[in-house]
Amino acid sequence: MFLANIGYHTRVFPLVTPPMGVMSLAAYLRRELSAEPMIVNQRLENCPPAEIVRRAAAFGADAVGFSLLTTASYLLPEAVRLTRAALPNALILAGGPHASSAKEAVMAEADVDVVVPGEGELATKTVLQAWREGGRDFGGIPGVIWRDANGEVVVNPGPVEQVEDLDALPMPAYDLIDLPAYWRAQSIAPVFRRRYASLNSSRGCPYGCIWCHKTFGRSIRVNSPERILEEMSHLSKTYGINDFEFLDDNFNFYPRRVTDFCDLAARCGFRPRMAFPYGIRADLLDDAVIDALVGAGMYQCSVAMDTASPRLQKYTGKNMRVEMLMAAGERMTARRVYSNLFCMLGFPTETEEELRLTISTACASPFHTASFYTVTPFPGTALHDIVKREHPEKLARLRYDNMDISGMRVNLTDLPDETLFHYQRRALRQFYANPRRLARLARSHPQPWLLPAFLPILLYRATKGLLPSAAACPDTGGCAPAADTAAPPPSGKTP
């Protein structure tokens, strides 16, 4: 089984992280099917699709799986076409966030055999078992989408089966990637070039934010504190690291799990450094949870307000208690945790007054940095359905090709474009014009000597607007991102 994570990193979206979904799938297939998978992360290497396929052919793959975001979907047709030519007898699968949102539309984009939306382990195992036994009928596998013998697309009823006991899964296949190569790239956390590993300790999110894909569903499943510590200890011993980046959708949904994990780490004498670049629900952060996390080694945390408007909090399904978010920000910054705030500007029906409220609330907040993203309707989300129903002309002008969230130029409001993007530029200028904030940032940033690298792109965005499309700015060696590129994943997941 050959597994490829598709997409490029670019100057405007330089973030690279170990492909945790692909690594988890590879580890599971290796255990359950005695397979020896191979993993290629195009986002790390920036190699062309032809190179990915060359490696798949050299590997002698009988099955090839592509995992991708919507922003990388334009690469899939070429990758599949080249795979068909090089490995005519191979089974070709598509998965990941784009497959989870676009579903059967992926079949129209590229000549894949099977699409596995949502969680991949159980369904992919069953598909490969049937394939190994010489079958091409996947009709009994809930939720998967496939082509029958006549080339017709079949959408199986029901949801894809999920793993209920996450502790029963093997650890992700870190041994199948070059982990040190990620230390030289920009991770999701706004901290540069450090020895770290990424972790997922839960799946699912029960909240109803209209911009989110819900790839793992709304039922939240978690690893036990013992399993989290076991995985961290293994990585620490194997790779000599003590810095961990948690990529959960909602790490702190169960506060008791957080405090139990922190207590267990203390009893074992293990004090790692921990970053939470997204996936922390701020209005669940009370003193006990913050004290436990800081005591256990949390040094960076991002939280999502998205909008300060009470009306839009209800409209979007976010239902964040903003006053509690601000209190959590005060507690974290007082404890010298480098803290970032996510905001979104440009919701359907959003008014100028609501734009100003979000900006002023962010600027009055204690957070060290803030991001002001353009609201973007990704396929498969409730937000996309709303815009398709009420303003289809806006979708017609929107392209996702190789574009990150901070670079989207779409206006879903009824305000003129120049008004929305004026407020976006103004937000950055106003937020970072506070000398006291900059002093706190220099004091609390884990790498203050690198802060000057933020200035060029921050000044550009604050004065002239967003960068041009990522496709126009290929990365030829990397460049430090601006403070507002400490981004959530392009699926838009922030709890």
Protein backbone atom coordinates (compact mmCIF):
# COMPACT_ATOMS: atom_id res chain seq x y z
CA MET A 1 0.00 0.00 0.00
CA PHE A 2 1.44 3.35 -1.09
CA LEU A 3 0.04 6.43 0.70
CA ALA A 4 0.61 10.00 -0.45
CA ASN A 5 -0.37 13.26 1.21
CA ILE A 6 -1.03 15.67 -1.66
CA GLY A 7 -0.36 19.42 -1.73
CA TYR A 8 2.43 21.98 -1.88
CA HIS A 9 3.74 24.34 0.76
CA THR A 10 4.22 27.86 -0.49
CA ARG A 11 5.42 31.27 0.60
CA VAL A 12 1.93 32.30 1.66
CA PHE A 13 1.10 28.94 3.23
CA PRO A 14 4.42 27.48 4.45
CA LEU A 15 2.98 25.31 7.21
CA VAL A 16 4.05 21.67 7.14
CA THR A 17 3.19 19.01 9.68
CA PRO A 18 3.57 15.23 9.78
CA PRO A 19 0.57 13.68 7.92
CA MET A 20 -1.07 12.23 11.02
CA GLY A 21 -4.10 10.74 9.24
CA VAL A 22 -1.95 8.89 6.71
CA MET A 23 0.45 7.77 9.46
CA SER A 24 -2.40 6.39 11.57
CA LEU A 25 -3.84 4.56 8.55
CA ALA A 26 -0.44 3.10 7.65
CA ALA A 27 0.13 1.81 11.19
CA TYR A 28 -3.32 0.23 11.28
CA LEU A 29 -2.98 -1.48 7.90
CA ARG A 30 0.47 -2.73 8.83
CA ARG A 31 -0.92 -4.38 11.96
CA GLU A 32 -4.19 -5.69 10.54
CA LEU A 33 -3.14 -6.77 7.03
CA SER A 34 0.56 -7.41 7.56
CA ALA A 35 1.12 -4.73 4.93
CA GLU A 36 4.31 -2.72 4.51
CA PRO A 37 3.06 0.72 3.53
CA MET A 38 5.15 3.55 2.13
CA ILE A 39 4.36 7.22 2.86
CA VAL A 40 5.23 10.29 0.78
CA ASN A 41 4.27 13.77 1.96
CA GLN A 42 4.26 16.06 -1.05
CA ARG A 43 3.61 19.02 1.21
CA LEU A 44 6.98 18.50 2.87
CA GLU A 45 9.01 17.79 -0.26
CA ASN A 46 7.20 19.96 -2.85
CA CYS A 47 7.93 17.25 -5.42
CA PRO A 48 5.74 17.12 -8.55
CA PRO A 49 3.03 14.46 -8.99
CA ALA A 50 5.28 12.63 -11.46
CA GLU A 51 7.85 12.05 -8.71
CA ILE A 52 5.21 10.68 -6.35
CA VAL A 53 4.05 8.23 -9.00
CA ARG A 54 7.64 7.25 -9.84
CA ARG A 55 8.12 6.25 -6.20
CA ALA A 56 4.83 4.36 -6.13
CA ALA A 57 5.88 2.41 -9.23
CA ALA A 58 9.34 1.70 -7.81
CA PHE A 59 7.65 0.49 -4.63
CA GLY A 60 5.53 -1.88 -6.73
CA ALA A 61 2.29 -0.68 -5.15
CA ASP A 62 -0.81 -2.79 -5.68
CA ALA A 63 -2.92 -0.04 -4.07
CA VAL A 64 -2.32 3.71 -4.00
CA GLY A 65 -4.12 6.07 -1.64
CA PHE A 66 -4.17 9.85 -1.96
CA SER A 67 -5.07 12.04 1.03
CA LEU A 68 -5.68 15.72 0.38
CA LEU A 69 -7.27 19.00 1.38
CA THR A 70 -9.68 20.85 -0.87
CA THR A 71 -6.98 23.41 -1.61
CA ALA A 72 -4.88 20.61 -3.15
CA SER A 73 -7.66 18.92 -5.11
CA TYR A 74 -6.49 20.45 -8.38
CA LEU A 75 -3.44 18.14 -8.18
CA LEU A 76 -5.46 14.94 -7.90
CA PRO A 77 -6.44 14.44 -11.59
CA GLU A 78 -2.83 14.51 -12.77
CA ALA A 79 -1.64 12.28 -9.94
CA VAL A 80 -4.34 9.71 -10.71
CA ARG A 81 -3.76 9.87 -14.48
CA LEU A 82 -0.04 9.24 -14.05
CA THR A 83 -0.72 6.43 -11.58
CA ARG A 84 -3.07 4.73 -14.04
CA ALA A 85 -0.34 4.83 -16.69
CA ALA A 86 2.45 3.59 -14.40
CA LEU A 87 0.42 1.06 -12.37
CA PRO A 88 -2.53 0.01 -14.56
CA ASN A 89 -3.58 -2.81 -12.21
CA ALA A 90 -3.39 -0.85 -8.96
CA LEU A 91 -6.43 0.10 -6.90
CA ILE A 92 -6.58 3.90 -6.49
CA LEU A 93 -8.25 5.40 -3.42
CA ALA A 94 -8.89 8.97 -2.26
CA GLY A 95 -9.37 10.07 1.34
CA GLY A 96 -8.73 12.90 3.75
CA PRO A 97 -10.62 16.17 4.29
CA HIS A 98 -11.41 16.76 0.60
CA ALA A 99 -12.86 13.28 0.13
CA SER A 100 -14.84 13.74 3.34
CA SER A 101 -16.42 16.96 2.05
CA ALA A 102 -16.71 16.43 -1.71
CA LYS A 103 -17.59 12.71 -1.50
CA GLU A 104 -18.90 11.46 -4.86
CA ALA A 105 -17.80 14.69 -6.58
CA VAL A 106 -14.23 13.37 -6.25
CA MET A 107 -15.18 10.71 -8.80
CA ALA A 108 -15.95 13.44 -11.33
CA GLU A 109 -12.64 15.18 -10.60
CA ALA A 110 -10.39 12.15 -11.05
CA ASP A 111 -10.55 8.51 -12.16
CA VAL A 112 -10.23 6.99 -8.69
CA ASP A 113 -11.67 3.58 -7.86
CA VAL A 114 -12.78 4.19 -4.27
CA VAL A 115 -13.43 7.25 -2.12
CA VAL A 116 -13.28 6.79 1.65
CA PRO A 117 -14.84 9.84 3.35
CA GLY A 118 -14.36 10.44 7.04
CA GLU A 119 -12.29 8.13 9.21
CA GLY A 120 -10.18 5.80 7.11
CA GLU A 121 -8.89 2.85 9.13
CA LEU A 122 -11.80 0.40 9.27
CA ALA A 123 -13.27 1.09 5.82
CA THR A 124 -9.91 1.06 4.04
CA LYS A 125 -8.98 -2.23 5.68
CA THR A 126 -12.22 -3.81 4.42
CA VAL A 127 -11.72 -2.38 0.92
CA LEU A 128 -8.19 -3.77 0.72
CA GLN A 129 -9.27 -7.16 2.03
CA ALA A 130 -11.87 -7.41 -0.72
CA TRP A 131 -9.33 -6.23 -3.29
CA ARG A 132 -6.74 -8.79 -2.19
CA GLU A 133 -9.33 -11.54 -2.54
CA GLY A 134 -9.82 -10.56 -6.17
CA GLY A 135 -13.06 -8.66 -5.74
CA ARG A 136 -14.09 -5.28 -7.09
CA ASP A 137 -17.49 -5.20 -5.44
CA PHE A 138 -17.33 -2.91 -2.41
CA GLY A 139 -21.08 -2.66 -1.96
CA GLY A 140 -21.13 -4.01 1.58
CA ILE A 141 -18.86 -1.33 3.08
CA PRO A 142 -20.94 1.48 4.64
CA GLY A 143 -20.23 5.00 3.46
CA VAL A 144 -17.63 4.31 0.78
CA ILE A 145 -18.06 5.47 -2.81
CA TRP A 146 -16.82 3.29 -5.68
CA ARG A 147 -17.08 2.45 -9.36
CA ASP A 148 -18.79 -0.80 -10.33
CA ALA A 149 -17.80 -3.03 -13.25
CA ASN A 150 -19.68 -0.75 -15.66
CA GLY A 151 -17.91 2.36 -14.41
CA GLU A 152 -21.01 3.64 -12.62
CA VAL A 153 -20.50 5.52 -9.36
CA VAL A 154 -22.07 3.78 -6.36
CA VAL A 155 -22.61 5.61 -3.05
CA ASN A 156 -23.00 3.08 -0.26
CA PRO A 157 -25.61 3.99 2.37
CA GLY A 158 -24.74 4.77 5.95
CA PRO A 159 -21.76 6.46 7.59
CA VAL A 160 -18.22 5.13 7.37
CA GLU A 161 -17.50 3.02 10.45
CA GLN A 162 -15.52 4.80 13.17
CA VAL A 163 -13.05 3.53 15.74
CA GLU A 164 -14.70 3.91 19.13
CA ASP A 165 -11.74 2.94 21.32
CA LEU A 166 -8.83 5.09 20.18
CA ASP A 167 -6.49 3.37 22.64
CA ALA A 168 -6.96 0.19 20.56
CA LEU A 169 -5.27 1.82 17.56
CA PRO A 170 -1.52 1.43 17.11
CA MET A 171 0.66 4.50 17.39
CA PRO A 172 0.94 6.44 14.12
CA ALA A 173 3.75 5.18 11.89
CA TYR A 174 6.38 7.79 12.74
CA ASP A 175 9.01 5.33 11.50
CA LEU A 176 7.65 5.68 7.94
CA ILE A 177 8.43 9.41 7.77
CA ASP A 178 11.61 11.41 8.12
CA LEU A 179 10.65 13.17 11.34
CA PRO A 180 13.82 15.34 11.53
CA ALA A 181 12.91 16.83 8.15
CA TYR A 182 9.87 18.40 9.78
CA TRP A 183 12.07 20.12 12.34
CA ARG A 184 13.51 22.24 9.54
CA ALA A 185 10.06 23.29 8.26
CA GLN A 186 7.43 25.61 9.69
CA SER A 187 4.95 23.66 11.80
CA ILE A 188 1.40 24.77 12.58
CA ALA A 189 2.47 26.29 15.89
CA PRO A 190 4.06 29.74 15.38
CA VAL A 191 7.42 28.47 16.59
CA PHE A 192 10.26 27.83 14.16
CA ARG A 193 12.76 25.06 13.52
CA ARG A 194 12.55 22.97 16.67
CA ARG A 195 12.73 19.27 17.50
CA TYR A 196 9.13 18.23 18.00
CA ALA A 197 6.47 15.63 17.19
CA SER A 198 2.79 16.06 16.41
CA LEU A 199 0.09 14.21 18.33
CA ASN A 200 -3.64 13.54 17.99
CA SER A 201 -5.28 12.44 21.23
CA SER A 202 -8.95 12.70 20.27
CA ARG A 203 -11.31 12.66 17.30
CA GLY A 204 -14.55 14.46 16.69
CA CYS A 205 -16.12 17.71 17.87
CA PRO A 206 -19.67 18.13 19.22
CA TYR A 207 -20.03 21.80 18.24
CA GLY A 208 -21.98 22.96 15.20
CA CYS A 209 -19.81 25.64 13.57
CA ILE A 210 -21.16 26.13 10.05
CA TRP A 211 -17.72 26.45 8.42
CA CYS A 212 -16.38 23.11 9.69
CA HIS A 213 -16.19 19.82 7.76
CA LYS A 214 -16.75 17.51 10.76
CA THR A 215 -14.46 14.90 9.18
CA PHE A 216 -14.47 12.80 12.37
CA GLY A 217 -18.11 13.38 13.25
CA ARG A 218 -19.73 15.10 16.20
CA SER A 219 -19.21 12.35 18.75
CA ILE A 220 -15.94 12.99 20.52
CA ARG A 221 -13.68 10.01 21.25
CA VAL A 222 -10.47 10.32 23.22
CA ASN A 223 -7.25 8.59 24.12
CA SER A 224 -6.78 7.89 27.81
CA PRO A 225 -4.19 9.91 29.76
CA GLU A 226 -2.10 6.73 30.00
CA ARG A 227 -2.06 6.29 26.23
CA ILE A 228 -1.13 9.93 25.61
CA LEU A 229 1.79 9.67 28.00
CA GLU A 230 2.85 6.33 26.50
CA GLU A 231 3.03 7.83 23.02
CA MET A 232 4.90 10.92 24.19
CA SER A 233 7.38 8.80 26.15
CA HIS A 234 7.97 6.56 23.13
CA LEU A 235 8.65 9.54 20.88
CA SER A 236 10.90 11.13 23.47
CA LYS A 237 13.00 7.96 23.84
CA THR A 238 13.07 7.16 20.12
CA TYR A 239 13.80 10.62 18.73
CA GLY A 240 15.27 12.46 21.70
CA ILE A 241 12.58 15.13 21.69
CA ASN A 242 10.66 16.86 24.45
CA ASP A 243 8.41 19.21 22.45
CA PHE A 244 4.94 18.14 21.33
CA GLU A 245 2.33 19.81 19.14
CA PHE A 246 -1.25 18.63 19.76
CA LEU A 247 -3.50 18.67 16.67
CA ASP A 248 -6.80 17.63 18.24
CA ASP A 249 -10.06 19.22 17.12
CA ASN A 250 -11.03 19.70 20.76
CA PHE A 251 -8.33 18.66 23.23
CA ASN A 252 -9.99 20.02 26.37
CA PHE A 253 -13.62 18.98 25.87
CA TYR A 254 -13.28 16.74 28.92
CA PRO A 255 -11.47 18.90 31.51
CA ARG A 256 -10.99 15.95 33.88
CA ARG A 257 -9.05 14.09 31.18
CA VAL A 258 -6.73 17.09 30.85
CA THR A 259 -6.04 17.36 34.57
CA ASP A 260 -5.64 13.58 34.92
CA PHE A 261 -3.09 13.57 32.09
CA CYS A 262 -1.15 16.44 33.63
CA ASP A 263 -1.18 14.76 37.06
CA LEU A 264 0.01 11.49 35.54
CA ALA A 265 2.87 13.21 33.71
CA ALA A 266 3.94 14.88 36.97
CA ARG A 267 3.86 11.59 38.89
CA CYS A 268 6.02 9.99 36.21
CA GLY A 269 8.51 12.86 36.32
CA PHE A 270 7.81 13.71 32.68
CA ARG A 271 7.62 17.44 31.92
CA PRO A 272 7.41 18.04 28.19
CA ARG A 273 6.98 21.29 26.30
CA MET A 274 3.52 21.41 24.72
CA ALA A 275 1.97 23.60 22.03
CA PHE A 276 -1.71 23.75 21.15
CA PRO A 277 -1.89 25.62 17.81
CA TYR A 278 -5.64 24.94 17.54
CA GLY A 279 -8.21 22.70 19.13
CA ILE A 280 -8.57 24.37 22.52
CA ARG A 281 -12.11 25.49 23.40
CA ALA A 282 -11.45 28.69 25.33
CA ASP A 283 -14.66 28.90 27.32
CA LEU A 284 -13.86 25.50 28.85
CA LEU A 285 -10.50 26.76 30.14
CA ASP A 286 -10.94 27.41 33.84
CA ASP A 287 -8.17 28.06 36.35
CA ALA A 288 -7.74 24.37 37.19
CA VAL A 289 -7.25 23.33 33.56
CA ILE A 290 -4.93 26.22 32.73
CA ASP A 291 -2.86 25.66 35.88
CA ALA A 292 -2.61 21.95 35.07
CA LEU A 293 -1.53 22.56 31.46
CA VAL A 294 0.99 25.24 32.35
CA GLY A 295 2.37 23.05 35.12
CA ALA A 296 2.71 20.20 32.63
CA GLY A 297 4.62 22.34 30.12
CA MET A 298 2.18 24.24 27.88
CA TYR A 299 4.05 27.19 26.35
CA GLN A 300 1.83 28.05 23.34
CA CYS A 301 -1.92 28.07 22.85
CA SER A 302 -4.29 29.36 20.19
CA VAL A 303 -8.01 29.85 20.78
CA ALA A 304 -10.82 30.83 18.43
CA MET A 305 -13.24 33.66 19.10
CA ASP A 306 -14.09 33.97 15.39
CA THR A 307 -16.66 36.72 16.00
CA ALA A 308 -17.51 38.93 18.96
CA SER A 309 -21.08 39.41 17.75
CA PRO A 310 -23.62 37.54 19.94
CA ARG A 311 -25.95 37.34 16.94
CA LEU A 312 -23.29 35.78 14.71
CA GLN A 313 -22.20 33.40 17.48
CA LYS A 314 -25.71 31.94 17.32
CA TYR A 315 -26.03 32.21 13.53
CA THR A 316 -22.78 30.31 12.97
CA GLY A 317 -23.38 27.65 15.62
CA LYS A 318 -20.15 28.57 17.39
CA ASN A 319 -21.88 29.67 20.61
CA MET A 320 -18.64 30.77 22.21
CA ARG A 321 -18.95 32.59 25.54
CA VAL A 322 -16.67 35.47 24.62
CA GLU A 323 -16.34 36.84 28.15
CA MET A 324 -14.98 33.46 29.29
CA LEU A 325 -12.58 33.36 26.34
CA MET A 326 -11.19 36.74 27.40
CA ALA A 327 -10.82 35.55 30.99
CA ALA A 328 -8.92 32.50 29.75
CA GLY A 329 -6.66 34.77 27.71
CA GLU A 330 -5.90 36.83 30.80
CA ARG A 331 -5.01 33.71 32.77
CA MET A 332 -2.74 32.31 30.07
CA THR A 333 -0.85 35.50 29.30
CA ALA A 334 -0.38 36.10 33.04
CA ARG A 335 1.34 32.72 33.11
CA ARG A 336 3.57 33.67 30.17
CA VAL A 337 1.89 31.28 27.72
CA TYR A 338 2.38 32.58 24.17
CA SER A 339 -1.27 33.01 23.17
CA ASN A 340 -2.91 33.58 19.79
CA LEU A 341 -6.49 34.54 18.94
CA PHE A 342 -8.34 33.44 15.79
CA CYS A 343 -10.90 35.83 14.31
CA MET A 344 -13.00 35.61 11.15
CA LEU A 345 -14.36 38.55 9.18
CA GLY A 346 -17.02 38.44 6.48
CA PHE A 347 -19.83 36.15 7.56
CA PRO A 348 -23.06 36.24 5.54
CA THR A 349 -25.29 39.04 6.91
CA GLU A 350 -22.38 40.53 8.93
CA THR A 351 -22.67 44.29 9.35
CA GLU A 352 -20.04 47.00 9.70
CA GLU A 353 -20.98 47.35 13.36
CA GLU A 354 -20.30 43.64 13.90
CA LEU A 355 -16.97 43.87 12.06
CA ARG A 356 -15.96 46.74 14.30
CA LEU A 357 -17.07 44.82 17.40
CA THR A 358 -14.89 41.80 16.53
CA ILE A 359 -11.89 44.02 15.82
CA SER A 360 -12.27 46.15 18.93
CA THR A 361 -12.79 43.08 21.12
CA ALA A 362 -9.64 41.47 19.73
CA CYS A 363 -7.66 44.68 20.16
CA ALA A 364 -8.80 45.01 23.76
CA SER A 365 -7.84 41.40 24.47
CA PRO A 366 -4.69 40.24 26.26
CA PHE A 367 -3.56 37.89 23.48
CA HIS A 368 -0.06 38.26 22.08
CA THR A 369 -1.04 37.75 18.44
CA ALA A 370 -4.23 37.58 16.44
CA SER A 371 -5.31 36.28 13.04
CA PHE A 372 -8.10 37.92 11.02
CA TYR A 373 -9.23 35.44 8.37
CA THR A 374 -11.67 35.91 5.54
CA VAL A 375 -14.72 33.68 6.05
CA THR A 376 -14.52 31.02 3.32
CA PRO A 377 -17.23 28.48 2.37
CA PHE A 378 -15.57 25.12 1.79
CA PRO A 379 -17.56 22.35 0.08
CA GLY A 380 -19.32 19.96 2.40
CA THR A 381 -20.00 22.57 5.08
CA ALA A 382 -23.25 24.18 6.17
CA LEU A 383 -21.73 27.54 5.28
CA HIS A 384 -21.19 26.39 1.70
CA ASP A 385 -24.83 25.27 1.52
CA ILE A 386 -26.01 28.67 2.78
CA VAL A 387 -23.96 30.59 0.22
CA LYS A 388 -24.92 28.21 -2.59
CA ARG A 389 -28.57 28.78 -1.75
CA GLU A 390 -28.51 32.51 -1.12
CA HIS A 391 -25.54 33.86 -3.11
CA PRO A 392 -24.47 31.30 -5.76
CA GLU A 393 -22.68 34.03 -7.72
CA LYS A 394 -20.16 34.37 -4.90
CA LEU A 395 -19.24 30.69 -5.16
CA ALA A 396 -18.79 30.99 -8.90
CA ARG A 397 -15.95 33.47 -8.33
CA LEU A 398 -14.22 31.43 -5.63
CA ARG A 399 -11.25 29.17 -6.37
CA TYR A 400 -9.57 26.93 -3.85
CA ASP A 401 -6.50 26.00 -5.90
CA ASN A 402 -3.40 25.97 -3.70
CA MET A 403 -4.78 28.72 -1.50
CA ASP A 404 -4.65 28.97 2.27
CA ILE A 405 -7.35 30.48 4.46
CA SER A 406 -5.53 33.76 4.99
CA GLY A 407 -5.27 34.28 1.23
CA MET A 408 -8.94 33.80 0.30
CA ARG A 409 -10.52 36.81 -1.41
CA VAL A 410 -14.22 36.21 -1.04
CA ASN A 411 -16.83 38.53 0.42
CA LEU A 412 -19.94 36.78 1.76
CA THR A 413 -21.40 39.93 3.32
CA ASP A 414 -23.70 42.45 1.68
CA LEU A 415 -21.01 45.11 2.14
CA PRO A 416 -18.79 46.30 -0.73
CA ASP A 417 -15.53 44.38 -1.15
CA GLU A 418 -13.46 47.44 -0.37
CA THR A 419 -15.28 47.84 2.96
CA LEU A 420 -14.66 44.27 4.15
CA PHE A 421 -10.99 44.19 3.14
CA HIS A 422 -10.43 47.68 4.56
CA TYR A 423 -11.58 46.37 7.94
CA GLN A 424 -9.33 43.33 7.59
CA ARG A 425 -6.26 45.51 7.00
CA ARG A 426 -7.33 47.91 9.73
CA ALA A 427 -7.68 45.03 12.19
CA LEU A 428 -4.02 44.08 11.81
CA ARG A 429 -2.80 47.67 12.09
CA GLN A 430 -4.91 48.35 15.15
CA PHE A 431 -4.04 45.09 16.91
CA TYR A 432 -0.27 45.38 16.50
CA ALA A 433 -0.06 49.13 17.12
CA ASN A 434 -0.19 48.57 20.86
CA PRO A 435 3.34 48.98 22.32
CA ARG A 436 2.40 47.13 25.49
CA ARG A 437 1.23 44.15 23.45
CA LEU A 438 4.48 44.10 21.50
CA ALA A 439 6.47 44.23 24.73
CA ARG A 440 4.48 41.30 26.14
CA LEU A 441 4.99 39.43 22.88
CA ALA A 442 8.76 39.89 23.02
CA ARG A 443 8.72 38.79 26.66
CA SER A 444 6.62 35.64 26.14
CA HIS A 445 7.51 34.40 22.65
CA PRO A 446 9.59 31.20 22.91
CA GLN A 447 11.91 32.50 20.14
CA PRO A 448 11.89 36.33 20.43
CA TRP A 449 15.01 36.71 18.29
CA LEU A 450 12.97 35.55 15.27
CA LEU A 451 10.20 38.13 15.64
CA PRO A 452 11.72 40.58 13.08
CA ALA A 453 11.11 37.92 10.41
CA PHE A 454 7.38 38.55 10.83
CA LEU A 455 7.52 42.22 9.92
CA PRO A 456 7.64 42.27 6.08
CA ILE A 457 4.57 40.15 5.48
CA LEU A 458 2.69 41.67 8.41
CA LEU A 459 3.29 45.18 7.06
CA TYR A 460 2.19 44.10 3.60
CA ARG A 461 -1.07 42.67 4.83
CA ALA A 462 -1.74 45.59 7.14
CA THR A 463 -1.24 48.19 4.42
CA LYS A 464 -1.91 46.68 1.00
CA GLY A 465 -4.06 43.69 1.76
CA LEU A 466 -3.64 39.96 1.43
CA LEU A 467 -0.88 38.31 -0.51
CA PRO A 468 -1.47 37.15 -4.07
CA SER A 469 -2.49 33.56 -4.63
CA ALA A 470 -0.19 30.87 -3.37
CA ALA A 471 0.04 29.45 -6.87
CA ALA A 472 1.84 32.62 -7.89
CA CYS A 473 4.34 32.34 -5.05
CA PRO A 474 6.02 28.92 -5.12
CA ASP A 475 8.31 28.27 -2.22
CA THR A 476 11.93 28.07 -3.30
CA GLY A 477 13.47 27.66 0.08
CA GLY A 478 11.08 28.76 2.74
CA CYS A 479 10.24 32.04 4.36
CA ALA A 480 9.04 32.92 7.82
CA PRO A 481 5.27 33.38 8.01
CA ALA A 482 3.53 36.40 9.39
CA ALA A 483 1.96 36.39 12.80
CA ASP A 484 -1.42 35.85 11.24
CA THR A 485 -0.42 32.63 9.51
CA ALA A 486 -0.55 30.61 12.68
CA ALA A 487 -3.51 29.03 11.01
CA PRO A 488 -6.09 26.37 11.72
CA PRO A 489 -6.18 23.59 9.17
CA PRO A 490 -7.64 24.59 5.79
CA SER A 491 -10.76 22.63 6.63
CA GLY A 492 -11.53 25.54 8.94
CA LYS A 493 -11.67 23.47 12.11
CA THR A 494 -11.58 25.54 15.21
CA PRO A 495 -13.79 24.38 18.07
